[in-house]
């Protein structure tokens, strides 16, 4: 990995991410109206309802559909399941989680399993793979992370996070998510071979606000004044950024042999930091918001150091 490549990585990926996260942190510290927690929830809702759907429409409408592309969500699903399988016994059947509340264990399990495959994955993968990298991120999010979050994730939150927890209407929840419909509509346009380039460009223009807003929201979410992690949070960080991706990398090599670009991109998606909506998700289901926010914080901060290592490993 050359010095020129590292410089480009810093200028095109690290620097804008760092500036946006810092801006969110400064807002939380210097501005009290609206409060950071309320602003975070509003921005999350704005992104999910307004800006993410057209972005996913544009990415799925222009994606080159082939078998290689479809391996991305499959590997991403494997990453989520491996992370959960590694963390569950540590948090629920080992001394590590013995002193934690059910709400804390469920929050850390969720935060250590579900990655930031779109909002962090999009800038990283487009830098590495060009426009196709955006399609990798979109397919990892909509065909893997989002469906599992609103099924397995909701089950974890409601059944493991509370005594006598009860489920919710998972299908109804998924069908009410605008990003799902944006992706489905784009996929339909792509599959049907319709030529709607002006609409795709307009949707891409609208969707450009998605990534900056969510990175700004990450800055709002980080508890800057209380960043000391617990041992359980550190375990989730290690699983999310290193152990689970290494397991999935070994399984992928075993099953597919030499990795093609789509599979390498999928491994990077597995190694992404915790999803940005972890704190909001924990708040929505009455889990430990601080534990979720700490896991988001440490995975996001350490990911900037882990990313060059993963790029080097996948290119060797």
Protein backbone atom coordinates (compact mmCIF):
# COMPACT_ATOMS: atom_id res chain seq x y z
CA UNK A 1 0.00 0.00 0.00
CA UNK A 2 1.72 3.15 -1.25
CA UNK A 3 1.98 6.49 0.50
CA UNK A 4 0.01 8.07 -2.36
CA UNK A 5 -2.86 5.63 -1.81
CA UNK A 6 -2.92 6.34 1.93
CA UNK A 7 -2.95 10.08 1.20
CA UNK A 8 -5.92 9.68 -1.15
CA UNK A 9 -7.67 7.51 1.43
CA UNK A 10 -7.13 10.22 4.03
CA UNK A 11 -8.30 13.07 1.80
CA UNK A 12 -11.30 11.35 0.21
CA UNK A 13 -12.57 9.16 3.05
CA UNK A 14 -11.08 9.91 6.47
CA UNK A 15 -11.02 13.70 6.28
CA UNK A 16 -14.66 14.32 5.27
CA UNK A 17 -15.84 11.69 7.76
CA UNK A 18 -13.76 13.24 10.54
CA UNK A 19 -14.95 16.78 9.75
CA UNK A 20 -18.63 15.80 9.72
CA UNK A 21 -18.36 13.78 12.94
CA UNK A 22 -16.47 16.65 14.59
CA UNK A 23 -19.15 19.11 13.45
CA UNK A 24 -21.80 16.94 15.09
CA UNK A 25 -19.76 16.75 18.28
CA UNK A 26 -19.28 20.51 18.37
CA UNK A 27 -22.99 21.07 17.84
CA UNK A 28 -23.79 18.77 20.77
CA UNK A 29 -21.34 20.66 22.96
CA UNK A 30 -21.97 24.26 21.92
CA UNK A 31 -25.62 24.29 20.84
CA UNK A 32 -28.45 23.41 23.19
CA UNK A 33 -31.40 24.35 20.99
CA UNK A 34 -32.51 21.89 19.80
CA UNK A 35 -30.87 19.38 22.19
CA UNK A 36 -28.54 16.89 20.53
CA UNK A 37 -30.73 13.87 21.36
CA UNK A 38 -33.84 15.42 19.79
CA UNK A 39 -31.88 16.65 16.76
CA UNK A 40 -30.38 13.16 16.30
CA UNK A 41 -33.82 11.54 16.25
CA UNK A 42 -35.19 14.13 13.80
CA UNK A 43 -32.23 13.79 11.44
CA UNK A 44 -32.47 9.99 11.53
CA UNK A 45 -36.13 10.21 10.60
CA UNK A 46 -35.44 12.77 7.87
CA UNK A 47 -32.78 10.56 6.31
CA UNK A 48 -34.89 7.38 6.47
CA UNK A 49 -38.06 9.01 5.14
CA UNK A 50 -36.72 11.58 2.64
CA UNK A 51 -33.09 11.21 1.53
CA UNK A 52 -32.17 7.50 1.75
CA UNK A 53 -35.03 6.23 -0.49
CA UNK A 54 -33.95 8.19 -3.60
CA UNK A 55 -30.30 7.27 -3.00
CA UNK A 56 -31.17 3.58 -2.86
CA UNK A 57 -33.43 3.97 -5.90
CA UNK A 58 -30.58 5.47 -7.93
CA UNK A 59 -28.04 2.87 -6.82
CA UNK A 60 -30.28 -0.14 -7.46
CA UNK A 61 -31.60 1.25 -10.76
CA UNK A 62 -28.08 1.50 -12.20
CA UNK A 63 -26.48 -1.58 -10.61
CA UNK A 64 -25.09 -4.25 -12.90
CA UNK A 65 -27.13 -7.24 -11.80
CA UNK A 66 -25.18 -10.50 -11.79
CA UNK A 67 -24.37 -13.44 -9.56
CA UNK A 68 -21.25 -11.75 -8.19
CA UNK A 69 -23.24 -8.74 -6.97
CA UNK A 70 -25.69 -11.03 -5.15
CA UNK A 71 -22.84 -12.55 -3.13
CA UNK A 72 -22.54 -9.19 -1.32
CA UNK A 73 -25.78 -9.48 0.72
CA UNK A 74 -25.12 -13.19 1.33
CA UNK A 75 -21.69 -12.47 2.86
CA UNK A 76 -23.11 -9.51 4.78
CA UNK A 77 -25.82 -11.72 6.28
CA UNK A 78 -23.14 -14.23 7.26
CA UNK A 79 -21.22 -11.43 8.99
CA UNK A 80 -24.24 -10.36 11.05
CA UNK A 81 -25.05 -13.92 12.08
CA UNK A 82 -21.43 -14.74 12.96
CA UNK A 83 -21.14 -11.57 15.07
CA UNK A 84 -24.35 -12.38 16.94
CA UNK A 85 -23.30 -16.02 17.41
CA UNK A 86 -19.96 -14.93 18.90
CA UNK A 87 -21.39 -12.23 21.18
CA UNK A 88 -24.48 -14.03 22.49
CA UNK A 89 -22.65 -16.59 24.66
CA UNK A 90 -20.22 -13.93 25.92
CA UNK A 91 -23.04 -11.62 27.02
CA UNK A 92 -25.62 -14.16 28.21
CA UNK A 93 -23.65 -17.21 29.37
CA UNK A 94 -20.23 -15.95 30.46
CA UNK A 95 -18.89 -13.82 33.35
CA UNK A 96 -18.48 -10.88 30.95
CA UNK A 97 -22.22 -10.17 30.90
CA UNK A 98 -23.15 -11.40 34.35
CA UNK A 99 -23.36 -7.93 35.95
CA UNK A 100 -25.16 -6.32 33.01
CA UNK A 101 -28.88 -5.68 32.81
CA UNK A 102 -30.94 -7.36 30.08
CA UNK A 103 -31.29 -3.96 28.42
CA UNK A 104 -27.50 -3.48 28.32
CA UNK A 105 -26.78 -6.97 27.02
CA UNK A 106 -29.34 -6.66 24.22
CA UNK A 107 -28.08 -3.20 23.24
CA UNK A 108 -24.46 -4.38 23.03
CA UNK A 109 -25.47 -7.54 21.14
CA UNK A 110 -27.31 -5.45 18.56
CA UNK A 111 -24.56 -2.84 18.29
CA UNK A 112 -21.90 -5.51 17.89
CA UNK A 113 -23.82 -7.38 15.20
CA UNK A 114 -25.21 -4.75 12.82
CA UNK A 115 -22.80 -2.59 10.84
CA UNK A 116 -22.89 0.77 9.16
CA UNK A 117 -23.03 -0.82 5.72
CA UNK A 118 -24.61 2.09 3.86
CA UNK A 119 -23.70 5.38 5.51
CA UNK A 120 -20.04 4.43 6.14
CA UNK A 121 -19.88 1.71 3.51
CA UNK A 122 -20.92 3.98 0.64
CA UNK A 123 -17.99 6.48 0.84
CA UNK A 124 -15.45 3.71 1.54
CA UNK A 125 -16.57 1.39 -1.24
CA UNK A 126 -17.05 4.11 -3.85
CA UNK A 127 -13.48 5.24 -3.13
CA UNK A 128 -12.18 1.70 -3.60
CA UNK A 129 -14.44 0.40 -6.39
CA UNK A 130 -15.89 3.47 -8.09
CA UNK A 131 -19.65 3.73 -8.86
CA UNK A 132 -20.08 -0.03 -8.47
CA UNK A 133 -19.02 0.34 -4.85
CA UNK A 134 -22.19 2.30 -4.18
CA UNK A 135 -24.24 -0.61 -5.51
CA UNK A 136 -22.37 -3.00 -3.24
CA UNK A 137 -23.30 -0.82 -0.26
CA UNK A 138 -26.95 -0.55 -1.36
CA UNK A 139 -27.38 -4.30 -1.83
CA UNK A 140 -25.64 -5.04 1.50
CA UNK A 141 -27.98 -2.63 3.26
CA UNK A 142 -31.35 -3.45 1.70
CA UNK A 143 -31.00 -7.18 1.02
CA UNK A 144 -29.07 -8.04 4.20
CA UNK A 145 -28.72 -5.53 7.02
CA UNK A 146 -32.14 -3.83 6.98
CA UNK A 147 -34.29 -7.00 6.74
CA UNK A 148 -32.26 -8.70 9.49
CA UNK A 149 -32.35 -5.60 11.70
CA UNK A 150 -36.15 -5.42 11.54
CA UNK A 151 -36.58 -9.15 12.11
CA UNK A 152 -33.69 -10.63 14.11
CA UNK A 153 -32.82 -7.22 15.57
CA UNK A 154 -36.37 -6.55 16.74
CA UNK A 155 -36.54 -10.07 18.17
CA UNK A 156 -33.32 -9.45 20.15
CA UNK A 157 -34.64 -6.11 21.42
CA UNK A 158 -38.08 -7.36 22.44
CA UNK A 159 -37.36 -10.93 23.54
CA UNK A 160 -33.82 -10.72 24.96
CA UNK A 161 -33.90 -7.09 26.05
CA UNK A 162 -36.90 -7.31 28.39
CA UNK A 163 -38.31 -9.92 30.78
CA UNK A 164 -41.31 -11.55 29.14
CA UNK A 165 -40.73 -9.50 26.02
CA UNK A 166 -43.23 -9.77 23.25
CA UNK A 167 -42.75 -9.50 19.53
CA UNK A 168 -44.01 -6.92 17.12
CA UNK A 169 -45.40 -7.12 13.60
CA UNK A 170 -42.09 -7.56 11.79
CA UNK A 171 -43.53 -7.72 8.27
CA UNK A 172 -45.60 -4.58 8.82
CA UNK A 173 -42.55 -2.79 10.22
CA UNK A 174 -40.38 -3.67 7.22
CA UNK A 175 -43.07 -2.71 4.72
CA UNK A 176 -43.40 0.73 6.32
CA UNK A 177 -39.72 1.57 5.69
CA UNK A 178 -39.42 4.03 2.76
CA UNK A 179 -35.82 2.94 1.89
CA UNK A 180 -37.12 -0.57 1.15
CA UNK A 181 -39.58 0.84 -1.39
CA UNK A 182 -36.94 3.08 -2.95
CA UNK A 183 -34.68 0.07 -3.46
CA UNK A 184 -37.50 -2.14 -4.77
CA UNK A 185 -38.62 0.52 -7.25
CA UNK A 186 -35.04 1.02 -8.49
CA UNK A 187 -34.53 -2.74 -8.80
CA UNK A 188 -37.78 -2.99 -10.78
CA UNK A 189 -36.68 -0.23 -13.16
CA UNK A 190 -33.31 -1.96 -13.59
CA UNK A 191 -34.79 -5.42 -14.16
CA UNK A 192 -37.38 -4.09 -16.62
CA UNK A 193 -34.72 -2.25 -18.64
CA UNK A 194 -36.58 1.07 -18.44
CA UNK A 195 -34.66 4.18 -19.52
CA UNK A 196 -35.41 6.83 -16.89
CA UNK A 197 -32.00 8.48 -16.66
CA UNK A 198 -33.31 11.97 -15.72
CA UNK A 199 -35.27 10.46 -12.83
CA UNK A 200 -32.23 8.48 -11.69
CA UNK A 201 -30.03 11.59 -11.76
CA UNK A 202 -32.64 13.57 -9.82
CA UNK A 203 -32.86 10.80 -7.22
CA UNK A 204 -29.07 10.65 -6.94
CA UNK A 205 -28.98 14.43 -6.39
CA UNK A 206 -31.57 14.14 -3.59
CA UNK A 207 -29.74 11.23 -2.03
CA UNK A 208 -26.43 13.10 -1.80
CA UNK A 209 -27.59 14.57 1.51
CA UNK A 210 -27.87 11.12 3.11
CA UNK A 211 -24.23 10.40 3.98
CA UNK A 212 -23.25 13.85 5.34
CA UNK A 213 -26.38 14.02 7.50
CA UNK A 214 -25.80 10.58 9.01
CA UNK A 215 -22.11 11.27 9.70
CA UNK A 216 -23.11 14.53 11.38
CA UNK A 217 -25.61 12.50 13.40
CA UNK A 218 -22.79 10.16 14.46
CA UNK A 219 -21.04 13.18 15.99
CA UNK A 220 -24.24 14.00 17.87
CA UNK A 221 -24.49 10.42 19.17
CA UNK A 222 -20.99 10.00 20.58
CA UNK A 223 -20.90 10.64 24.36
CA UNK A 224 -17.72 12.73 24.13
CA UNK A 225 -17.54 13.45 27.86
CA UNK A 226 -17.92 9.81 28.94
CA UNK A 227 -16.09 7.62 26.45
CA UNK A 228 -14.70 5.03 28.89
CA UNK A 229 -15.92 1.65 27.58
CA UNK A 230 -16.90 -1.38 29.63
CA UNK A 231 -15.30 -4.77 29.04
CA UNK A 232 -18.50 -5.89 27.29
CA UNK A 233 -18.36 -2.93 24.91
CA UNK A 234 -14.69 -3.66 24.14
CA UNK A 235 -15.60 -7.28 23.40
CA UNK A 236 -18.29 -6.11 20.96
CA UNK A 237 -15.77 -3.75 19.31
CA UNK A 238 -13.26 -6.60 18.87
CA UNK A 239 -15.90 -8.91 17.40
CA UNK A 240 -17.32 -6.24 15.07
CA UNK A 241 -14.07 -4.89 13.65
CA UNK A 242 -11.80 -7.95 13.68
CA UNK A 243 -12.97 -11.37 14.84
CA UNK A 244 -16.24 -11.76 12.89
CA UNK A 245 -14.77 -10.36 9.62
CA UNK A 246 -11.81 -12.75 9.91
CA UNK A 247 -14.16 -15.71 10.42
CA UNK A 248 -16.28 -14.67 7.42
CA UNK A 249 -13.15 -14.09 5.32
CA UNK A 250 -11.95 -17.62 6.10
CA UNK A 251 -15.38 -19.11 5.27
CA UNK A 252 -15.59 -17.13 2.02
CA UNK A 253 -12.14 -18.30 0.94
CA UNK A 254 -13.11 -21.87 1.81
CA UNK A 255 -16.35 -21.78 -0.20
CA UNK A 256 -15.47 -19.46 -3.11
CA UNK A 257 -11.69 -19.60 -3.40
CA UNK A 258 -10.02 -16.42 -4.64
CA UNK A 259 -12.04 -13.30 -3.83
CA UNK A 260 -13.41 -11.09 -6.58
CA UNK A 261 -14.08 -7.36 -5.99
CA UNK A 262 -17.67 -7.93 -4.86
CA UNK A 263 -16.61 -10.45 -2.22
CA UNK A 264 -13.78 -8.22 -0.98
CA UNK A 265 -16.25 -5.34 -0.72
CA UNK A 266 -18.61 -7.59 1.24
CA UNK A 267 -15.86 -8.48 3.73
CA UNK A 268 -15.26 -4.76 4.23
CA UNK A 269 -18.99 -4.36 4.86
CA UNK A 270 -18.78 -7.04 7.55
CA UNK A 271 -15.88 -5.07 9.10
CA UNK A 272 -17.79 -1.77 9.12
CA UNK A 273 -18.40 -0.07 12.49
CA UNK A 274 -21.73 -0.26 14.29
CA UNK A 275 -24.81 1.08 12.51
CA UNK A 276 -25.40 4.78 13.18
CA UNK A 277 -29.00 4.15 14.24
CA UNK A 278 -27.99 1.87 17.13
CA UNK A 279 -28.69 4.50 19.80
CA UNK A 280 -32.03 5.46 18.25
CA UNK A 281 -32.95 1.79 17.86
CA UNK A 282 -32.07 1.15 21.51
CA UNK A 283 -34.12 4.17 22.57
CA UNK A 284 -37.09 3.02 20.51
CA UNK A 285 -37.15 -0.41 22.19
CA UNK A 286 -36.23 0.66 25.72
CA UNK A 287 -32.67 -0.72 25.75
CA UNK A 288 -29.47 0.79 27.19
CA UNK A 289 -28.87 3.81 24.94
CA UNK A 290 -25.50 4.66 26.50
CA UNK A 291 -24.12 1.14 25.91
CA UNK A 292 -25.25 1.28 22.28
CA UNK A 293 -23.76 4.78 21.82
CA UNK A 294 -20.43 3.70 23.33
CA UNK A 295 -20.22 0.74 20.95
CA UNK A 296 -21.02 3.04 18.02
CA UNK A 297 -18.36 5.48 19.21
CA UNK A 298 -15.51 3.03 19.69
CA UNK A 299 -16.17 0.99 16.55
CA UNK A 300 -16.41 4.18 14.48
CA UNK A 301 -13.25 5.75 15.91
CA UNK A 302 -11.16 2.57 15.69
CA UNK A 303 -12.47 1.74 12.22
CA UNK A 304 -10.39 4.58 10.81
CA UNK A 305 -7.31 2.70 12.03
CA UNK A 306 -8.58 -0.73 11.03
CA UNK A 307 -9.58 0.22 7.47
CA UNK A 308 -6.04 0.38 5.97
CA UNK A 309 -5.26 -2.97 7.61
CA UNK A 310 -8.32 -4.58 6.03
CA UNK A 311 -7.57 -3.06 2.62
CA UNK A 312 -4.01 -4.40 2.80
CA UNK A 313 -5.21 -7.84 3.93
CA UNK A 314 -7.80 -8.11 1.16
CA UNK A 315 -5.34 -6.99 -1.52
CA UNK A 316 -2.56 -9.37 -0.47
